[in-house]
Amino acid sequence: VVGDILRPEVGMVRDVVALLRFAATHGFLRDALIGL
């Protein structure tokens, strides 16, 4: 199983959005923003 493959057409913005969604769902949004 080869996971988390980055696609050529998907840039860093989508990575940021995915992180912020994950953070908002699990209660560390403020830390995520500071971490970025």
PDB file of all heavy atoms in Angstrom:
ATOM      1  N   VAL A   1       0.864  -1.181   0.000  1.00  0.00           N
ATOM      2  CA  VAL A   1       0.000   0.000   0.000  1.00  0.00           C
ATOM      3  C   VAL A   1       0.903   1.233   0.000  1.00  0.00           C
ATOM      4  O   VAL A   1       1.699   1.426   0.925  1.00  0.00           O
ATOM      5  CB  VAL A   1      -0.936   0.010   1.221  1.00  0.00           C
ATOM      6  CG1 VAL A   1      -1.791   1.270   1.222  1.00  0.00           C
ATOM      7  CG2 VAL A   1      -1.820  -1.234   1.212  1.00  0.00           C
ATOM      8  N   VAL A   2       0.791   2.028  -1.045  1.00  0.00           N
ATOM      9  CA  VAL A   2       1.610   3.235  -1.200  1.00  0.00           C
ATOM     10  C   VAL A   2       0.685   4.431  -1.028  1.00  0.00           C
ATOM     11  O   VAL A   2      -0.180   4.695  -1.882  1.00  0.00           O
ATOM     12  CB  VAL A   2       2.294   3.281  -2.577  1.00  0.00           C
ATOM     13  CG1 VAL A   2       3.221   4.491  -2.668  1.00  0.00           C
ATOM     14  CG2 VAL A   2       3.077   1.998  -2.829  1.00  0.00           C
ATOM     15  N   GLY A   3       0.837   5.143   0.073  1.00  0.00           N
ATOM     16  CA  GLY A   3      -0.109   6.192   0.418  1.00  0.00           C
ATOM     17  C   GLY A   3       0.451   7.594   0.389  1.00  0.00           C
ATOM     18  O   GLY A   3       1.664   7.810   0.402  1.00  0.00           O
ATOM     19  N   ASP A   4      -0.463   8.549   0.342  1.00  0.00           N
ATOM     20  CA  ASP A   4      -0.149   9.980   0.442  1.00  0.00           C
ATOM     21  C   ASP A   4       0.687  10.474  -0.738  1.00  0.00           C
ATOM     22  O   ASP A   4       1.600  11.283  -0.572  1.00  0.00           O
ATOM     23  CB  ASP A   4       0.558  10.278   1.769  1.00  0.00           C
ATOM     24  CG  ASP A   4       0.051  11.562   2.413  1.00  0.00           C
ATOM     25  OD1 ASP A   4      -1.137  11.876   2.253  1.00  0.00           O
ATOM     26  OD2 ASP A   4       0.842  12.254   3.080  1.00  0.00           O
ATOM     27  N   ILE A   5       0.370   9.990  -1.929  1.00  0.00           N
ATOM     28  CA  ILE A   5       1.089  10.398  -3.136  1.00  0.00           C
ATOM     29  C   ILE A   5       0.618  11.784  -3.567  1.00  0.00           C
ATOM     30  O   ILE A   5      -0.582  12.029  -3.759  1.00  0.00           O
ATOM     31  CB  ILE A   5       0.865   9.385  -4.272  1.00  0.00           C
ATOM     32  CG1 ILE A   5       1.399   8.005  -3.869  1.00  0.00           C
ATOM     33  CG2 ILE A   5       1.517   9.865  -5.562  1.00  0.00           C
ATOM     34  CD1 ILE A   5       2.876   7.973  -3.605  1.00  0.00           C
ATOM     35  N   LEU A   6       1.555  12.694  -3.733  1.00  0.00           N
ATOM     36  CA  LEU A   6       1.251  14.053  -4.183  1.00  0.00           C
ATOM     37  C   LEU A   6       1.011  14.057  -5.682  1.00  0.00           C
ATOM     38  O   LEU A   6       1.775  13.477  -6.444  1.00  0.00           O
ATOM     39  CB  LEU A   6       2.412  15.002  -3.854  1.00  0.00           C
ATOM     40  CG  LEU A   6       2.510  15.537  -2.428  1.00  0.00           C
ATOM     41  CD1 LEU A   6       2.818  14.434  -1.435  1.00  0.00           C
ATOM     42  CD2 LEU A   6       3.588  16.623  -2.355  1.00  0.00           C
ATOM     43  N   ARG A   7      -0.048  14.724  -6.092  1.00  0.00           N
ATOM     44  CA  ARG A   7      -0.398  14.817  -7.515  1.00  0.00           C
ATOM     45  C   ARG A   7       0.204  16.083  -8.125  1.00  0.00           C
ATOM     46  O   ARG A   7       0.240  17.135  -7.470  1.00  0.00           O
ATOM     47  CB  ARG A   7      -1.907  14.812  -7.676  1.00  0.00           C
ATOM     48  CG  ARG A   7      -2.559  13.527  -7.210  1.00  0.00           C
ATOM     49  CD  ARG A   7      -3.994  13.711  -6.771  1.00  0.00           C
ATOM     50  NE  ARG A   7      -4.835  14.262  -7.826  1.00  0.00           N
ATOM     51  CZ  ARG A   7      -6.095  14.641  -7.637  1.00  0.00           C
ATOM     52  NH1 ARG A   7      -6.640  14.525  -6.443  1.00  0.00           N
ATOM     53  NH2 ARG A   7      -6.802  15.123  -8.637  1.00  0.00           N
ATOM     54  N   PRO A   8       0.644  16.031  -9.376  1.00  0.00           N
ATOM     55  CA  PRO A   8       1.275  17.203 -10.000  1.00  0.00           C
ATOM     56  C   PRO A   8       0.371  18.420 -10.073  1.00  0.00           C
ATOM     57  O   PRO A   8       0.834  19.559  -9.991  1.00  0.00           O
ATOM     58  CB  PRO A   8       1.637  16.706 -11.411  1.00  0.00           C
ATOM     59  CG  PRO A   8       1.680  15.221 -11.307  1.00  0.00           C
ATOM     60  CD  PRO A   8       0.671  14.852 -10.263  1.00  0.00           C
ATOM     61  N   GLU A   9      -0.934  18.184 -10.247  1.00  0.00           N
ATOM     62  CA  GLU A   9      -1.851  19.301 -10.458  1.00  0.00           C
ATOM     63  C   GLU A   9      -2.393  19.888  -9.158  1.00  0.00           C
ATOM     64  O   GLU A   9      -3.185  20.839  -9.178  1.00  0.00           O
ATOM     65  CB  GLU A   9      -3.023  18.852 -11.349  1.00  0.00           C
ATOM     66  CG  GLU A   9      -4.034  17.926 -10.684  1.00  0.00           C
ATOM     67  CD  GLU A   9      -3.643  16.458 -10.695  1.00  0.00           C
ATOM     68  OE1 GLU A   9      -2.467  16.139 -10.966  1.00  0.00           O
ATOM     69  OE2 GLU A   9      -4.524  15.617 -10.415  1.00  0.00           O
ATOM     70  N   VAL A  10      -2.000  19.305  -8.018  1.00  0.00           N
ATOM     71  CA  VAL A  10      -2.509  19.768  -6.727  1.00  0.00           C
ATOM     72  C   VAL A  10      -1.366  20.424  -5.951  1.00  0.00           C
ATOM     73  O   VAL A  10      -0.375  19.779  -5.625  1.00  0.00           O
ATOM     74  CB  VAL A  10      -3.109  18.601  -5.918  1.00  0.00           C
ATOM     75  CG1 VAL A  10      -3.581  19.107  -4.550  1.00  0.00           C
ATOM     76  CG2 VAL A  10      -4.272  17.979  -6.677  1.00  0.00           C
ATOM     77  N   GLY A  11      -1.524  21.710  -5.658  1.00  0.00           N
ATOM     78  CA  GLY A  11      -0.449  22.455  -5.014  1.00  0.00           C
ATOM     79  C   GLY A  11      -0.559  22.524  -3.509  1.00  0.00           C
ATOM     80  O   GLY A  11      -1.404  21.868  -2.874  1.00  0.00           O
ATOM     81  N   MET A  12       0.276  23.374  -2.926  1.00  0.00           N
ATOM     82  CA  MET A  12       0.379  23.482  -1.473  1.00  0.00           C
ATOM     83  C   MET A  12      -0.897  24.033  -0.842  1.00  0.00           C
ATOM     84  O   MET A  12      -1.201  23.733   0.316  1.00  0.00           O
ATOM     85  CB  MET A  12       1.567  24.366  -1.104  1.00  0.00           C
ATOM     86  CG  MET A  12       1.905  24.364   0.384  1.00  0.00           C
ATOM     87  SD  MET A  12       3.271  25.474   0.786  1.00  0.00           S
ATOM     88  CE  MET A  12       4.616  24.677  -0.110  1.00  0.00           C
ATOM     89  N   VAL A  13      -1.658  24.818  -1.602  1.00  0.00           N
ATOM     90  CA  VAL A  13      -2.880  25.400  -1.044  1.00  0.00           C
ATOM     91  C   VAL A  13      -3.834  24.303  -0.572  1.00  0.00           C
ATOM     92  O   VAL A  13      -4.444  24.414   0.498  1.00  0.00           O
ATOM     93  CB  VAL A  13      -3.565  26.303  -2.092  1.00  0.00           C
ATOM     94  CG1 VAL A  13      -4.942  26.746  -1.579  1.00  0.00           C
ATOM     95  CG2 VAL A  13      -2.712  27.525  -2.381  1.00  0.00           C
ATOM     96  N   ARG A  14      -3.957  23.228  -1.354  1.00  0.00           N
ATOM     97  CA  ARG A  14      -4.831  22.132  -0.956  1.00  0.00           C
ATOM     98  C   ARG A  14      -4.309  21.440   0.310  1.00  0.00           C
ATOM     99  O   ARG A  14      -5.090  20.975   1.143  1.00  0.00           O
ATOM    100  CB  ARG A  14      -4.968  21.128  -2.098  1.00  0.00           C
ATOM    101  CG  ARG A  14      -5.784  21.638  -3.283  1.00  0.00           C
ATOM    102  CD  ARG A  14      -7.255  21.771  -2.924  1.00  0.00           C
ATOM    103  NE  ARG A  14      -8.045  22.352  -3.991  1.00  0.00           N
ATOM    104  CZ  ARG A  14      -8.621  21.665  -4.971  1.00  0.00           C
ATOM    105  NH1 ARG A  14      -8.464  20.349  -5.023  1.00  0.00           N
ATOM    106  NH2 ARG A  14      -9.332  22.270  -5.881  1.00  0.00           N
ATOM    107  N   ASP A  15      -2.989  21.357   0.452  1.00  0.00           N
ATOM    108  CA  ASP A  15      -2.416  20.793   1.675  1.00  0.00           C
ATOM    109  C   ASP A  15      -2.809  21.640   2.885  1.00  0.00           C
ATOM    110  O   ASP A  15      -3.141  21.109   3.962  1.00  0.00           O
ATOM    111  CB  ASP A  15      -0.891  20.715   1.579  1.00  0.00           C
ATOM    112  CG  ASP A  15      -0.401  19.643   0.623  1.00  0.00           C
ATOM    113  OD1 ASP A  15      -1.212  18.779   0.233  1.00  0.00           O
ATOM    114  OD2 ASP A  15       0.795  19.668   0.280  1.00  0.00           O
ATOM    115  N   VAL A  16      -2.759  22.941   2.714  1.00  0.00           N
ATOM    116  CA  VAL A  16      -3.132  23.852   3.797  1.00  0.00           C
ATOM    117  C   VAL A  16      -4.608  23.694   4.150  1.00  0.00           C
ATOM    118  O   VAL A  16      -4.982  23.610   5.329  1.00  0.00           O
ATOM    119  CB  VAL A  16      -2.816  25.308   3.410  1.00  0.00           C
ATOM    120  CG1 VAL A  16      -3.408  26.280   4.436  1.00  0.00           C
ATOM    121  CG2 VAL A  16      -1.309  25.511   3.291  1.00  0.00           C
ATOM    122  N   VAL A  17      -5.458  23.638   3.122  1.00  0.00           N
ATOM    123  CA  VAL A  17      -6.899  23.475   3.352  1.00  0.00           C
ATOM    124  C   VAL A  17      -7.176  22.162   4.075  1.00  0.00           C
ATOM    125  O   VAL A  17      -7.985  22.111   5.017  1.00  0.00           O
ATOM    126  CB  VAL A  17      -7.666  23.536   2.018  1.00  0.00           C
ATOM    127  CG1 VAL A  17      -9.131  23.145   2.224  1.00  0.00           C
ATOM    128  CG2 VAL A  17      -7.576  24.927   1.414  1.00  0.00           C
ATOM    129  N   ALA A  18      -6.504  21.081   3.644  1.00  0.00           N
ATOM    130  CA  ALA A  18      -6.713  19.775   4.284  1.00  0.00           C
ATOM    131  C   ALA A  18      -6.308  19.821   5.756  1.00  0.00           C
ATOM    132  O   ALA A  18      -7.011  19.276   6.619  1.00  0.00           O
ATOM    133  CB  ALA A  18      -5.910  18.705   3.545  1.00  0.00           C
ATOM    134  N   LEU A  19      -5.193  20.480   6.044  1.00  0.00           N
ATOM    135  CA  LEU A  19      -4.752  20.596   7.435  1.00  0.00           C
ATOM    136  C   LEU A  19      -5.744  21.402   8.266  1.00  0.00           C
ATOM    137  O   LEU A  19      -6.091  21.007   9.385  1.00  0.00           O
ATOM    138  CB  LEU A  19      -3.363  21.247   7.490  1.00  0.00           C
ATOM    139  CG  LEU A  19      -2.858  21.602   8.889  1.00  0.00           C
ATOM    140  CD1 LEU A  19      -2.733  20.351   9.761  1.00  0.00           C
ATOM    141  CD2 LEU A  19      -1.527  22.350   8.815  1.00  0.00           C
ATOM    142  N   LEU A  20      -6.217  22.530   7.721  1.00  0.00           N
ATOM    143  CA  LEU A  20      -7.124  23.379   8.489  1.00  0.00           C
ATOM    144  C   LEU A  20      -8.462  22.681   8.733  1.00  0.00           C
ATOM    145  O   LEU A  20      -9.058  22.826   9.808  1.00  0.00           O
ATOM    146  CB  LEU A  20      -7.327  24.704   7.760  1.00  0.00           C
ATOM    147  CG  LEU A  20      -6.081  25.610   7.691  1.00  0.00           C
ATOM    148  CD1 LEU A  20      -6.398  26.884   6.934  1.00  0.00           C
ATOM    149  CD2 LEU A  20      -5.540  25.929   9.077  1.00  0.00           C
ATOM    150  N   ARG A  21      -8.925  21.900   7.764  1.00  0.00           N
ATOM    151  CA  ARG A  21     -10.160  21.129   7.970  1.00  0.00           C
ATOM    152  C   ARG A  21      -9.960  20.092   9.081  1.00  0.00           C
ATOM    153  O   ARG A  21     -10.831  19.917   9.944  1.00  0.00           O
ATOM    154  CB  ARG A  21     -10.565  20.436   6.668  1.00  0.00           C
ATOM    155  CG  ARG A  21     -11.179  21.346   5.628  1.00  0.00           C
ATOM    156  CD  ARG A  21     -11.578  20.536   4.403  1.00  0.00           C
ATOM    157  NE  ARG A  21     -12.239  21.348   3.406  1.00  0.00           N
ATOM    158  CZ  ARG A  21     -12.649  20.899   2.214  1.00  0.00           C
ATOM    159  NH1 ARG A  21     -12.448  19.616   1.902  1.00  0.00           N
ATOM    160  NH2 ARG A  21     -13.254  21.695   1.355  1.00  0.00           N
ATOM    161  N   PHE A  22      -8.827  19.419   9.026  1.00  0.00           N
ATOM    162  CA  PHE A  22      -8.490  18.412  10.036  1.00  0.00           C
ATOM    163  C   PHE A  22      -8.412  19.068  11.406  1.00  0.00           C
ATOM    164  O   PHE A  22      -8.945  18.559  12.404  1.00  0.00           O
ATOM    165  CB  PHE A  22      -7.166  17.758   9.654  1.00  0.00           C
ATOM    166  CG  PHE A  22      -6.739  16.604  10.527  1.00  0.00           C
ATOM    167  CD1 PHE A  22      -7.584  15.530  10.760  1.00  0.00           C
ATOM    168  CD2 PHE A  22      -5.473  16.581  11.099  1.00  0.00           C
ATOM    169  CE1 PHE A  22      -7.188  14.454  11.553  1.00  0.00           C
ATOM    170  CE2 PHE A  22      -5.062  15.515  11.889  1.00  0.00           C
ATOM    171  CZ  PHE A  22      -5.924  14.450  12.117  1.00  0.00           C
ATOM    172  N   ALA A  23      -7.764  20.237  11.459  1.00  0.00           N
ATOM    173  CA  ALA A  23      -7.595  20.954  12.721  1.00  0.00           C
ATOM    174  C   ALA A  23      -8.933  21.444  13.267  1.00  0.00           C
ATOM    175  O   ALA A  23      -9.207  21.343  14.471  1.00  0.00           O
ATOM    176  CB  ALA A  23      -6.652  22.133  12.522  1.00  0.00           C
ATOM    177  N   ALA A  24      -9.792  21.964  12.403  1.00  0.00           N
ATOM    178  CA  ALA A  24     -11.089  22.463  12.844  1.00  0.00           C
ATOM    179  C   ALA A  24     -11.955  21.331  13.384  1.00  0.00           C
ATOM    180  O   ALA A  24     -12.680  21.505  14.376  1.00  0.00           O
ATOM    181  CB  ALA A  24     -11.796  23.163  11.692  1.00  0.00           C
ATOM    182  N   THR A  25     -11.871  20.174  12.763  1.00  0.00           N
ATOM    183  CA  THR A  25     -12.662  19.022  13.191  1.00  0.00           C
ATOM    184  C   THR A  25     -12.229  18.522  14.566  1.00  0.00           C
ATOM    185  O   THR A  25     -13.054  18.088  15.376  1.00  0.00           O
ATOM    186  CB  THR A  25     -12.545  17.879  12.169  1.00  0.00           C
ATOM    187  OG1 THR A  25     -13.033  18.334  10.909  1.00  0.00           O
ATOM    188  CG2 THR A  25     -13.337  16.658  12.606  1.00  0.00           C
ATOM    189  N   HIS A  26     -10.914  18.623  14.843  1.00  0.00           N
ATOM    190  CA  HIS A  26     -10.368  17.994  16.043  1.00  0.00           C
ATOM    191  C   HIS A  26      -9.904  18.987  17.108  1.00  0.00           C
ATOM    192  O   HIS A  26      -9.275  18.594  18.093  1.00  0.00           O
ATOM    193  CB  HIS A  26      -9.216  17.060  15.658  1.00  0.00           C
ATOM    194  CG  HIS A  26      -9.660  15.891  14.838  1.00  0.00           C
ATOM    195  ND1 HIS A  26     -10.304  14.809  15.377  1.00  0.00           N
ATOM    196  CD2 HIS A  26      -9.566  15.654  13.505  1.00  0.00           C
ATOM    197  CE1 HIS A  26     -10.585  13.931  14.423  1.00  0.00           C
ATOM    198  NE2 HIS A  26     -10.154  14.418  13.281  1.00  0.00           N
ATOM    199  N   GLY A  27     -10.179  20.284  16.898  1.00  0.00           N
ATOM    200  CA  GLY A  27      -9.983  21.237  17.976  1.00  0.00           C
ATOM    201  C   GLY A  27      -8.586  21.812  18.140  1.00  0.00           C
ATOM    202  O   GLY A  27      -8.233  22.222  19.255  1.00  0.00           O
ATOM    203  N   PHE A  28      -7.805  21.879  17.065  1.00  0.00           N
ATOM    204  CA  PHE A  28      -6.503  22.544  17.200  1.00  0.00           C
ATOM    205  C   PHE A  28      -6.283  23.569  16.079  1.00  0.00           C
ATOM    206  O   PHE A  28      -5.180  23.775  15.611  1.00  0.00           O
ATOM    207  CB  PHE A  28      -5.350  21.524  17.257  1.00  0.00           C
ATOM    208  CG  PHE A  28      -5.159  20.671  16.033  1.00  0.00           C
ATOM    209  CD1 PHE A  28      -4.230  21.029  15.055  1.00  0.00           C
ATOM    210  CD2 PHE A  28      -5.880  19.508  15.844  1.00  0.00           C
ATOM    211  CE1 PHE A  28      -4.032  20.245  13.929  1.00  0.00           C
ATOM    212  CE2 PHE A  28      -5.694  18.705  14.725  1.00  0.00           C
ATOM    213  CZ  PHE A  28      -4.759  19.079  13.760  1.00  0.00           C
ATOM    214  N   LEU A  29      -7.372  24.243  15.696  1.00  0.00           N
ATOM    215  CA  LEU A  29      -7.294  25.189  14.582  1.00  0.00           C
ATOM    216  C   LEU A  29      -6.326  26.335  14.873  1.00  0.00           C
ATOM    217  O   LEU A  29      -5.528  26.716  14.013  1.00  0.00           O
ATOM    218  CB  LEU A  29      -8.687  25.732  14.267  1.00  0.00           C
ATOM    219  CG  LEU A  29      -8.775  26.702  13.072  1.00  0.00           C
ATOM    220  CD1 LEU A  29      -8.254  26.051  11.801  1.00  0.00           C
ATOM    221  CD2 LEU A  29     -10.218  27.164  12.887  1.00  0.00           C
ATOM    222  N   ARG A  30      -6.396  26.896  16.078  1.00  0.00           N
ATOM    223  CA  ARG A  30      -5.493  28.006  16.410  1.00  0.00           C
ATOM    224  C   ARG A  30      -4.041  27.552  16.315  1.00  0.00           C
ATOM    225  O   ARG A  30      -3.193  28.264  15.738  1.00  0.00           O
ATOM    226  CB  ARG A  30      -5.792  28.524  17.817  1.00  0.00           C
ATOM    227  CG  ARG A  30      -4.884  29.662  18.261  1.00  0.00           C
ATOM    228  CD  ARG A  30      -5.289  30.173  19.645  1.00  0.00           C
ATOM    229  NE  ARG A  30      -4.398  31.238  20.089  1.00  0.00           N
ATOM    230  CZ  ARG A  30      -3.233  31.031  20.708  1.00  0.00           C
ATOM    231  NH1 ARG A  30      -2.821  29.766  20.946  1.00  0.00           N
ATOM    232  NH2 ARG A  30      -2.485  32.039  21.088  1.00  0.00           N
ATOM    233  N   ASP A  31      -3.735  26.384  16.856  1.00  0.00           N
ATOM    234  CA  ASP A  31      -2.368  25.860  16.789  1.00  0.00           C
ATOM    235  C   ASP A  31      -1.953  25.617  15.341  1.00  0.00           C
ATOM    236  O   ASP A  31      -0.793  25.838  14.976  1.00  0.00           O
ATOM    237  CB  ASP A  31      -2.256  24.553  17.577  1.00  0.00           C
ATOM    238  CG  ASP A  31      -2.315  24.768  19.079  1.00  0.00           C
ATOM    239  OD1 ASP A  31      -1.977  25.885  19.527  1.00  0.00           O
ATOM    240  OD2 ASP A  31      -2.699  23.829  19.798  1.00  0.00           O
ATOM    241  N   ALA A  32      -2.886  25.159  14.519  1.00  0.00           N
ATOM    242  CA  ALA A  32      -2.573  24.894  13.114  1.00  0.00           C
ATOM    243  C   ALA A  32      -2.224  26.184  12.381  1.00  0.00           C
ATOM    244  O   ALA A  32      -1.290  26.219  11.569  1.00  0.00           O
ATOM    245  CB  ALA A  32      -3.743  24.194  12.432  1.00  0.00           C
ATOM    246  N   LEU A  33      -2.967  27.249  12.658  1.00  0.00           N
ATOM    247  CA  LEU A  33      -2.686  28.531  12.015  1.00  0.00           C
ATOM    248  C   LEU A  33      -1.315  29.061  12.426  1.00  0.00           C
ATOM    249  O   LEU A  33      -0.544  29.545  11.587  1.00  0.00           O
ATOM    250  CB  LEU A  33      -3.778  29.547  12.374  1.00  0.00           C
ATOM    251  CG  LEU A  33      -5.163  29.265  11.754  1.00  0.00           C
ATOM    252  CD1 LEU A  33      -6.214  30.139  12.406  1.00  0.00           C
ATOM    253  CD2 LEU A  33      -5.115  29.507  10.244  1.00  0.00           C
ATOM    254  N   ILE A  34      -1.007  28.947  13.705  1.00  0.00           N
ATOM    255  CA  ILE A  34       0.318  29.368  14.184  1.00  0.00           C
ATOM    256  C   ILE A  34       1.391  28.473  13.572  1.00  0.00           C
ATOM    257  O   ILE A  34       2.454  28.939  13.151  1.00  0.00           O
ATOM    258  CB  ILE A  34       0.375  29.308  15.718  1.00  0.00           C
ATOM    259  CG1 ILE A  34      -0.578  30.344  16.327  1.00  0.00           C
ATOM    260  CG2 ILE A  34       1.800  29.539  16.225  1.00  0.00           C
ATOM    261  CD1 ILE A  34      -0.746  30.220  17.825  1.00  0.00           C
ATOM    262  N   GLY A  35       1.098  27.158  13.491  1.00  0.00           N
ATOM    263  CA  GLY A  35       2.058  26.222  12.926  1.00  0.00           C
ATOM    264  C   GLY A  35       2.359  26.490  11.462  1.00  0.00           C
ATOM    265  O   GLY A  35       3.496  26.313  11.016  1.00  0.00           O
ATOM    266  N   LEU A  36       1.355  26.922  10.714  1.00  0.00           N
ATOM    267  CA  LEU A  36       1.580  27.235   9.304  1.00  0.00           C
ATOM    268  C   LEU A  36       2.554  28.396   9.143  1.00  0.00           C
ATOM    269  O   LEU A  36       3.400  28.391   8.242  1.00  0.00           O
ATOM    270  CB  LEU A  36       0.248  27.565   8.622  1.00  0.00           C
ATOM    271  CG  LEU A  36      -0.675  26.373   8.352  1.00  0.00           C
ATOM    272  CD1 LEU A  36      -2.037  26.857   7.907  1.00  0.00           C
ATOM    273  CD2 LEU A  36      -0.057  25.449   7.296  1.00  0.00           C
TER     274      LEU A  36
END
